[in-house]
Amino acid sequence: MQAGLFAKKVGMTQIFDELGSLLPVTILKTGLCQISQIKTVTTDGYNAVQVAYGEEKLEKINKPIKGHLKKIGERGFKSFGEFRVSQPEDFKLGQVIKADTFSIGQKVRLTGKSIGKGFAGNQKRNNFSRGPMTHGSKNHRLPGSIGAGSTPGRVYPEKLMAGQLGGGTVTLKNTEVLYVNSEDNILVVKGSVPGKKNTILKIQPQKY
């Protein structure tokens, strides 16, 4: 039974496969991930394991978190995340999850915060086409009419307009693991992943 872990995005590079094809890859480095709580249907209403990550000095952690972490040792963590599991009895409090929980060729699901690009117009945000650039046109990148006439006399919900681009939670499914280094806790996955350098990503096995 597999849970998941949290890793930091180191950067991107490229490698060659056995057939000589060039593949873009992302390098992920996992820190110490330790199971800090086991949730079951009887106690919490669902089965899950809570994983603590992001090591921190104990003196910088408040008393409630210290009390929560006391049962797993003397290490301090500043962040926590959950992974749903079907058999929580397979896990133990304080169990360390390393990169080798995943294998080469396995498909995983990656969740992280995408790069924020600020306020963007319709062309960049929604891939709209622009207006004519010549013949006296003064509508180059304007949104144009947004209403639907006197009936219904309002703007429909979910209207695509200018606004905040990026900076949201993005999940990639069926991402392939190409390389695992258990000594240095490094994972190499195929393609790009959400976020910029040093973004924390949630990695869990693809279940479907």
C-alpha atoms as a PDB file:
ATOM      1  CA  MET A   1       0.000   0.000   0.000  1.00  0.00           C
ATOM      2  CA  GLN A   2       1.404   3.396  -1.022  1.00  0.00           C
ATOM      3  CA  ALA A   3       0.859   6.817   0.476  1.00  0.00           C
ATOM      4  CA  GLY A   4       2.548   9.833  -1.047  1.00  0.00           C
ATOM      5  CA  LEU A   5       5.123  12.470  -0.240  1.00  0.00           C
ATOM      6  CA  PHE A   6       6.050  16.108  -0.748  1.00  0.00           C
ATOM      7  CA  ALA A   7       8.993  17.245  -2.862  1.00  0.00           C
ATOM      8  CA  LYS A   8      10.663  20.461  -3.921  1.00  0.00           C
ATOM      9  CA  LYS A   9      11.054  21.344  -7.591  1.00  0.00           C
ATOM     10  CA  VAL A  10      14.779  21.648  -8.346  1.00  0.00           C
ATOM     11  CA  GLY A  11      14.516  22.482 -12.037  1.00  0.00           C
ATOM     12  CA  MET A  12      14.247  21.043 -15.544  1.00  0.00           C
ATOM     13  CA  THR A  13      16.712  19.330 -17.856  1.00  0.00           C
ATOM     14  CA  GLN A  14      16.632  16.768 -20.668  1.00  0.00           C
ATOM     15  CA  ILE A  15      17.711  13.142 -21.019  1.00  0.00           C
ATOM     16  CA  PHE A  16      17.877  10.508 -23.758  1.00  0.00           C
ATOM     17  CA  ASP A  17      15.866   7.283 -23.531  1.00  0.00           C
ATOM     18  CA  GLU A  18      16.879   3.832 -24.840  1.00  0.00           C
ATOM     19  CA  LEU A  19      15.631   4.674 -28.340  1.00  0.00           C
ATOM     20  CA  GLY A  20      17.650   7.895 -28.482  1.00  0.00           C
ATOM     21  CA  SER A  21      14.657  10.197 -28.124  1.00  0.00           C
ATOM     22  CA  LEU A  22      15.197  13.440 -26.222  1.00  0.00           C
ATOM     23  CA  LEU A  23      12.843  13.784 -23.231  1.00  0.00           C
ATOM     24  CA  PRO A  24      12.192  16.909 -21.158  1.00  0.00           C
ATOM     25  CA  VAL A  25      12.273  16.038 -17.446  1.00  0.00           C
ATOM     26  CA  THR A  26      11.802  17.742 -14.078  1.00  0.00           C
ATOM     27  CA  ILE A  27      14.006  16.972 -11.072  1.00  0.00           C
ATOM     28  CA  LEU A  28      12.257  16.774  -7.691  1.00  0.00           C
ATOM     29  CA  LYS A  29      14.028  16.481  -4.323  1.00  0.00           C
ATOM     30  CA  THR A  30      12.117  15.105  -1.378  1.00  0.00           C
ATOM     31  CA  GLY A  31      12.949  16.175   2.155  1.00  0.00           C
ATOM     32  CA  LEU A  32      12.085  14.235   5.295  1.00  0.00           C
ATOM     33  CA  CYS A  33       8.445  13.103   5.124  1.00  0.00           C
ATOM     34  CA  GLN A  34       7.159  11.400   8.275  1.00  0.00           C
ATOM     35  CA  ILE A  35       3.715  10.041   9.116  1.00  0.00           C
ATOM     36  CA  SER A  36       2.384  12.191  11.964  1.00  0.00           C
ATOM     37  CA  GLN A  37      -1.202  10.901  12.228  1.00  0.00           C
ATOM     38  CA  ILE A  38      -3.256   7.935  11.045  1.00  0.00           C
ATOM     39  CA  LYS A  39      -6.948   8.587  10.446  1.00  0.00           C
ATOM     40  CA  THR A  40      -9.558   5.824  10.258  1.00  0.00           C
ATOM     41  CA  VAL A  41     -13.275   5.612   9.561  1.00  0.00           C
ATOM     42  CA  THR A  42     -13.927   4.894  13.236  1.00  0.00           C
ATOM     43  CA  THR A  43     -12.063   7.907  14.617  1.00  0.00           C
ATOM     44  CA  ASP A  44     -12.300  10.494  11.838  1.00  0.00           C
ATOM     45  CA  GLY A  45     -14.909   9.256   9.373  1.00  0.00           C
ATOM     46  CA  TYR A  46     -12.410   8.419   6.594  1.00  0.00           C
ATOM     47  CA  ASN A  47      -9.122   6.578   6.033  1.00  0.00           C
ATOM     48  CA  ALA A  48      -6.024   8.701   5.530  1.00  0.00           C
ATOM     49  CA  VAL A  49      -2.475   9.278   6.695  1.00  0.00           C
ATOM     50  CA  GLN A  50      -1.155  12.709   7.633  1.00  0.00           C
ATOM     51  CA  VAL A  51       2.395  13.375   6.481  1.00  0.00           C
ATOM     52  CA  ALA A  52       4.599  16.016   8.130  1.00  0.00           C
ATOM     53  CA  TYR A  53       7.215  17.709   5.943  1.00  0.00           C
ATOM     54  CA  GLY A  54       9.410  20.804   5.906  1.00  0.00           C
ATOM     55  CA  GLU A  55      11.783  20.348   8.851  1.00  0.00           C
ATOM     56  CA  GLU A  56      11.913  23.209  11.334  1.00  0.00           C
ATOM     57  CA  LYS A  57      13.705  23.849  14.637  1.00  0.00           C
ATOM     58  CA  LEU A  58      11.600  22.876  17.639  1.00  0.00           C
ATOM     59  CA  GLU A  59      12.042  26.295  19.262  1.00  0.00           C
ATOM     60  CA  LYS A  60      10.330  27.927  16.265  1.00  0.00           C
ATOM     61  CA  ILE A  61       7.216  25.739  16.523  1.00  0.00           C
ATOM     62  CA  ASN A  62       4.233  26.651  18.715  1.00  0.00           C
ATOM     63  CA  LYS A  63       3.031  24.453  21.576  1.00  0.00           C
ATOM     64  CA  PRO A  64      -0.001  22.843  19.835  1.00  0.00           C
ATOM     65  CA  ILE A  65       2.188  21.618  16.946  1.00  0.00           C
ATOM     66  CA  LYS A  66       4.876  20.438  19.383  1.00  0.00           C
ATOM     67  CA  GLY A  67       2.259  18.413  21.252  1.00  0.00           C
ATOM     68  CA  HIS A  68       0.992  16.949  17.997  1.00  0.00           C
ATOM     69  CA  LEU A  69       4.528  15.927  16.950  1.00  0.00           C
ATOM     70  CA  LYS A  70       5.585  14.547  20.351  1.00  0.00           C
ATOM     71  CA  LYS A  71       4.289  11.056  19.537  1.00  0.00           C
ATOM     72  CA  ILE A  72       6.603  10.694  16.513  1.00  0.00           C
ATOM     73  CA  GLY A  73       9.886  11.887  18.033  1.00  0.00           C
ATOM     74  CA  GLU A  74      11.859  15.046  18.650  1.00  0.00           C
ATOM     75  CA  ARG A  75      11.836  16.422  15.119  1.00  0.00           C
ATOM     76  CA  GLY A  76      10.036  19.621  14.202  1.00  0.00           C
ATOM     77  CA  PHE A  77       7.940  20.172  11.048  1.00  0.00           C
ATOM     78  CA  LYS A  78       6.140  23.252   9.779  1.00  0.00           C
ATOM     79  CA  SER A  79       3.804  21.744   7.169  1.00  0.00           C
ATOM     80  CA  PHE A  80       1.347  18.852   6.982  1.00  0.00           C
ATOM     81  CA  GLY A  81      -0.604  17.118   4.228  1.00  0.00           C
ATOM     82  CA  GLU A  82      -2.973  14.184   3.883  1.00  0.00           C
ATOM     83  CA  PHE A  83      -3.168  11.182   1.596  1.00  0.00           C
ATOM     84  CA  ARG A  84      -6.254   8.997   1.378  1.00  0.00           C
ATOM     85  CA  VAL A  85      -5.508   5.291   1.822  1.00  0.00           C
ATOM     86  CA  SER A  86      -7.714   2.221   1.872  1.00  0.00           C
ATOM     87  CA  GLN A  87      -5.756   0.317   4.535  1.00  0.00           C
ATOM     88  CA  PRO A  88      -4.449   2.687   7.231  1.00  0.00           C
ATOM     89  CA  GLU A  89      -3.370  -0.283   9.372  1.00  0.00           C
ATOM     90  CA  ASP A  90      -0.456  -0.815   6.940  1.00  0.00           C
ATOM     91  CA  PHE A  91       1.190   2.384   8.213  1.00  0.00           C
ATOM     92  CA  LYS A  92       2.851   3.276  11.519  1.00  0.00           C
ATOM     93  CA  LEU A  93       3.242   6.554  13.380  1.00  0.00           C
ATOM     94  CA  GLY A  94       6.670   8.045  12.762  1.00  0.00           C
ATOM     95  CA  GLN A  95       7.215   5.994   9.595  1.00  0.00           C
ATOM     96  CA  VAL A  96       9.513   7.792   7.148  1.00  0.00           C
ATOM     97  CA  ILE A  97       8.415   7.895   3.502  1.00  0.00           C
ATOM     98  CA  LYS A  98      11.279   8.122   1.032  1.00  0.00           C
ATOM     99  CA  ALA A  99      11.582   8.588  -2.716  1.00  0.00           C
ATOM    100  CA  ASP A 100      11.886   4.827  -3.264  1.00  0.00           C
ATOM    101  CA  THR A 101       8.198   4.440  -2.386  1.00  0.00           C
ATOM    102  CA  PHE A 102       7.796   5.125  -6.125  1.00  0.00           C
ATOM    103  CA  SER A 103       9.315   3.011  -8.878  1.00  0.00           C
ATOM    104  CA  ILE A 104      10.596   3.699 -12.376  1.00  0.00           C
ATOM    105  CA  GLY A 105       7.799   3.643 -14.935  1.00  0.00           C
ATOM    106  CA  GLN A 106       5.081   4.281 -12.342  1.00  0.00           C
ATOM    107  CA  LYS A 107       2.408   6.889 -13.082  1.00  0.00           C
ATOM    108  CA  VAL A 108       1.893   9.540 -10.401  1.00  0.00           C
ATOM    109  CA  ARG A 109      -0.333  12.544  -9.789  1.00  0.00           C
ATOM    110  CA  LEU A 110       1.390  15.879  -9.066  1.00  0.00           C
ATOM    111  CA  THR A 111      -0.308  18.842  -7.384  1.00  0.00           C
ATOM    112  CA  GLY A 112       1.245  22.278  -6.918  1.00  0.00           C
ATOM    113  CA  LYS A 113       0.715  26.008  -7.247  1.00  0.00           C
ATOM    114  CA  SER A 114       1.260  27.323 -10.772  1.00  0.00           C
ATOM    115  CA  ILE A 115       3.366  30.389 -11.555  1.00  0.00           C
ATOM    116  CA  GLY A 116       1.376  33.598 -10.994  1.00  0.00           C
ATOM    117  CA  LYS A 117       1.456  35.970 -13.987  1.00  0.00           C
ATOM    118  CA  GLY A 118      -0.547  38.842 -12.531  1.00  0.00           C
ATOM    119  CA  PHE A 119      -3.439  40.651 -14.226  1.00  0.00           C
ATOM    120  CA  ALA A 120      -3.715  39.572 -17.874  1.00  0.00           C
ATOM    121  CA  GLY A 121      -5.962  40.559 -20.752  1.00  0.00           C
ATOM    122  CA  ASN A 122      -8.290  38.396 -22.833  1.00  0.00           C
ATOM    123  CA  GLN A 123      -5.725  37.509 -25.488  1.00  0.00           C
ATOM    124  CA  LYS A 124      -3.176  36.143 -23.045  1.00  0.00           C
ATOM    125  CA  ARG A 125      -5.563  34.731 -20.445  1.00  0.00           C
ATOM    126  CA  ASN A 126      -8.272  33.170 -22.641  1.00  0.00           C
ATOM    127  CA  ASN A 127      -6.527  32.858 -26.015  1.00  0.00           C
ATOM    128  CA  PHE A 128      -8.940  35.314 -27.685  1.00  0.00           C
ATOM    129  CA  SER A 129      -8.113  36.774 -31.095  1.00  0.00           C
ATOM    130  CA  ARG A 130      -7.384  40.504 -31.401  1.00  0.00           C
ATOM    131  CA  GLY A 131      -9.058  43.137 -33.512  1.00  0.00           C
ATOM    132  CA  PRO A 132      -7.676  44.488 -36.821  1.00  0.00           C
ATOM    133  CA  MET A 133      -4.437  46.445 -36.509  1.00  0.00           C
ATOM    134  CA  THR A 134      -4.872  48.651 -39.627  1.00  0.00           C
ATOM    135  CA  HIS A 135      -7.469  50.666 -41.587  1.00  0.00           C
ATOM    136  CA  GLY A 136      -8.147  53.032 -38.713  1.00  0.00           C
ATOM    137  CA  SER A 137      -9.287  50.391 -36.269  1.00  0.00           C
ATOM    138  CA  LYS A 138      -8.929  51.446 -32.659  1.00  0.00           C
ATOM    139  CA  ASN A 139      -9.971  48.081 -31.235  1.00  0.00           C
ATOM    140  CA  HIS A 140      -6.763  46.085 -31.046  1.00  0.00           C
ATOM    141  CA  ARG A 141      -6.886  44.226 -27.754  1.00  0.00           C
ATOM    142  CA  LEU A 142     -10.109  45.518 -26.200  1.00  0.00           C
ATOM    143  CA  PRO A 143     -12.665  43.044 -24.805  1.00  0.00           C
ATOM    144  CA  GLY A 144     -15.590  44.416 -26.836  1.00  0.00           C
ATOM    145  CA  SER A 145     -19.220  43.990 -25.830  1.00  0.00           C
ATOM    146  CA  ILE A 146     -19.840  41.716 -22.857  1.00  0.00           C
ATOM    147  CA  GLY A 147     -23.632  41.938 -22.604  1.00  0.00           C
ATOM    148  CA  ALA A 148     -26.407  40.083 -24.407  1.00  0.00           C
ATOM    149  CA  GLY A 149     -28.693  43.052 -25.285  1.00  0.00           C
ATOM    150  CA  SER A 150     -31.745  44.224 -23.415  1.00  0.00           C
ATOM    151  CA  THR A 151     -32.706  40.605 -22.837  1.00  0.00           C
ATOM    152  CA  PRO A 152     -31.547  39.388 -20.346  1.00  0.00           C
ATOM    153  CA  GLY A 153     -30.008  42.783 -19.623  1.00  0.00           C
ATOM    154  CA  ARG A 154     -27.105  41.397 -17.637  1.00  0.00           C
ATOM    155  CA  VAL A 155     -23.763  39.653 -18.041  1.00  0.00           C
ATOM    156  CA  TYR A 156     -23.919  35.873 -17.798  1.00  0.00           C
ATOM    157  CA  PRO A 157     -21.917  34.177 -15.019  1.00  0.00           C
ATOM    158  CA  GLU A 158     -18.564  32.615 -15.993  1.00  0.00           C
ATOM    159  CA  LYS A 159     -18.022  35.230 -18.705  1.00  0.00           C
ATOM    160  CA  LEU A 160     -14.414  35.006 -19.904  1.00  0.00           C
ATOM    161  CA  MET A 161     -12.750  38.345 -19.230  1.00  0.00           C
ATOM    162  CA  ALA A 162      -9.431  39.850 -18.170  1.00  0.00           C
ATOM    163  CA  GLY A 163      -8.209  38.990 -14.678  1.00  0.00           C
ATOM    164  CA  GLN A 164      -5.702  37.091 -12.564  1.00  0.00           C
ATOM    165  CA  LEU A 165      -3.688  34.571 -14.595  1.00  0.00           C
ATOM    166  CA  GLY A 166      -1.916  31.659 -12.906  1.00  0.00           C
ATOM    167  CA  GLY A 167      -1.174  31.372  -9.207  1.00  0.00           C
ATOM    168  CA  GLY A 168      -3.739  28.598  -8.703  1.00  0.00           C
ATOM    169  CA  THR A 169      -3.615  24.941  -7.698  1.00  0.00           C
ATOM    170  CA  VAL A 170      -2.920  22.677 -10.665  1.00  0.00           C
ATOM    171  CA  THR A 171      -2.957  18.848 -10.754  1.00  0.00           C
ATOM    172  CA  LEU A 172      -1.198  16.786 -13.424  1.00  0.00           C
ATOM    173  CA  LYS A 173      -2.323  13.186 -13.877  1.00  0.00           C
ATOM    174  CA  ASN A 174      -0.480  10.190 -15.337  1.00  0.00           C
ATOM    175  CA  THR A 175       2.994  11.696 -15.022  1.00  0.00           C
ATOM    176  CA  GLU A 176       5.648   9.031 -15.504  1.00  0.00           C
ATOM    177  CA  VAL A 177       8.561   8.512 -13.088  1.00  0.00           C
ATOM    178  CA  LEU A 178      11.769   8.054 -15.097  1.00  0.00           C
ATOM    179  CA  TYR A 179      14.436   7.861 -12.379  1.00  0.00           C
ATOM    180  CA  VAL A 180      14.563   7.246  -8.607  1.00  0.00           C
ATOM    181  CA  ASN A 181      17.558   7.882  -6.349  1.00  0.00           C
ATOM    182  CA  SER A 182      16.790   6.625  -2.834  1.00  0.00           C
ATOM    183  CA  GLU A 183      20.133   7.772  -1.369  1.00  0.00           C
ATOM    184  CA  ASP A 184      19.720  11.439  -2.306  1.00  0.00           C
ATOM    185  CA  ASN A 185      15.891  11.275  -2.291  1.00  0.00           C
ATOM    186  CA  ILE A 186      15.585  12.462  -5.884  1.00  0.00           C
ATOM    187  CA  LEU A 187      12.765  11.767  -8.332  1.00  0.00           C
ATOM    188  CA  VAL A 188      12.896  12.561 -12.039  1.00  0.00           C
ATOM    189  CA  VAL A 189       9.539  12.806 -13.807  1.00  0.00           C
ATOM    190  CA  LYS A 190       8.700  13.207 -17.469  1.00  0.00           C
ATOM    191  CA  GLY A 191       7.679  16.662 -18.701  1.00  0.00           C
ATOM    192  CA  SER A 192       7.047  19.875 -16.807  1.00  0.00           C
ATOM    193  CA  VAL A 193       5.271  20.297 -13.472  1.00  0.00           C
ATOM    194  CA  PRO A 194       3.358  23.244 -11.942  1.00  0.00           C
ATOM    195  CA  GLY A 195       5.236  26.070 -10.244  1.00  0.00           C
ATOM    196  CA  LYS A 196       8.641  27.662 -10.343  1.00  0.00           C
ATOM    197  CA  LYS A 197      11.915  26.597  -8.711  1.00  0.00           C
ATOM    198  CA  ASN A 198      11.581  25.539  -5.041  1.00  0.00           C
ATOM    199  CA  THR A 199       7.812  25.021  -5.360  1.00  0.00           C
ATOM    200  CA  ILE A 200       6.541  22.267  -3.042  1.00  0.00           C
ATOM    201  CA  LEU A 201       4.646  19.543  -4.909  1.00  0.00           C
ATOM    202  CA  LYS A 202       2.343  16.856  -3.574  1.00  0.00           C
ATOM    203  CA  ILE A 203       3.124  13.501  -5.217  1.00  0.00           C
ATOM    204  CA  GLN A 204       0.770  10.554  -4.925  1.00  0.00           C
ATOM    205  CA  PRO A 205       0.306   7.312  -6.875  1.00  0.00           C
ATOM    206  CA  GLN A 206      -2.147   7.401  -9.766  1.00  0.00           C
ATOM    207  CA  LYS A 207      -5.037   5.177  -8.747  1.00  0.00           C
ATOM    208  CA  TYR A 208      -7.023   5.232 -11.997  1.00  0.00           C
END
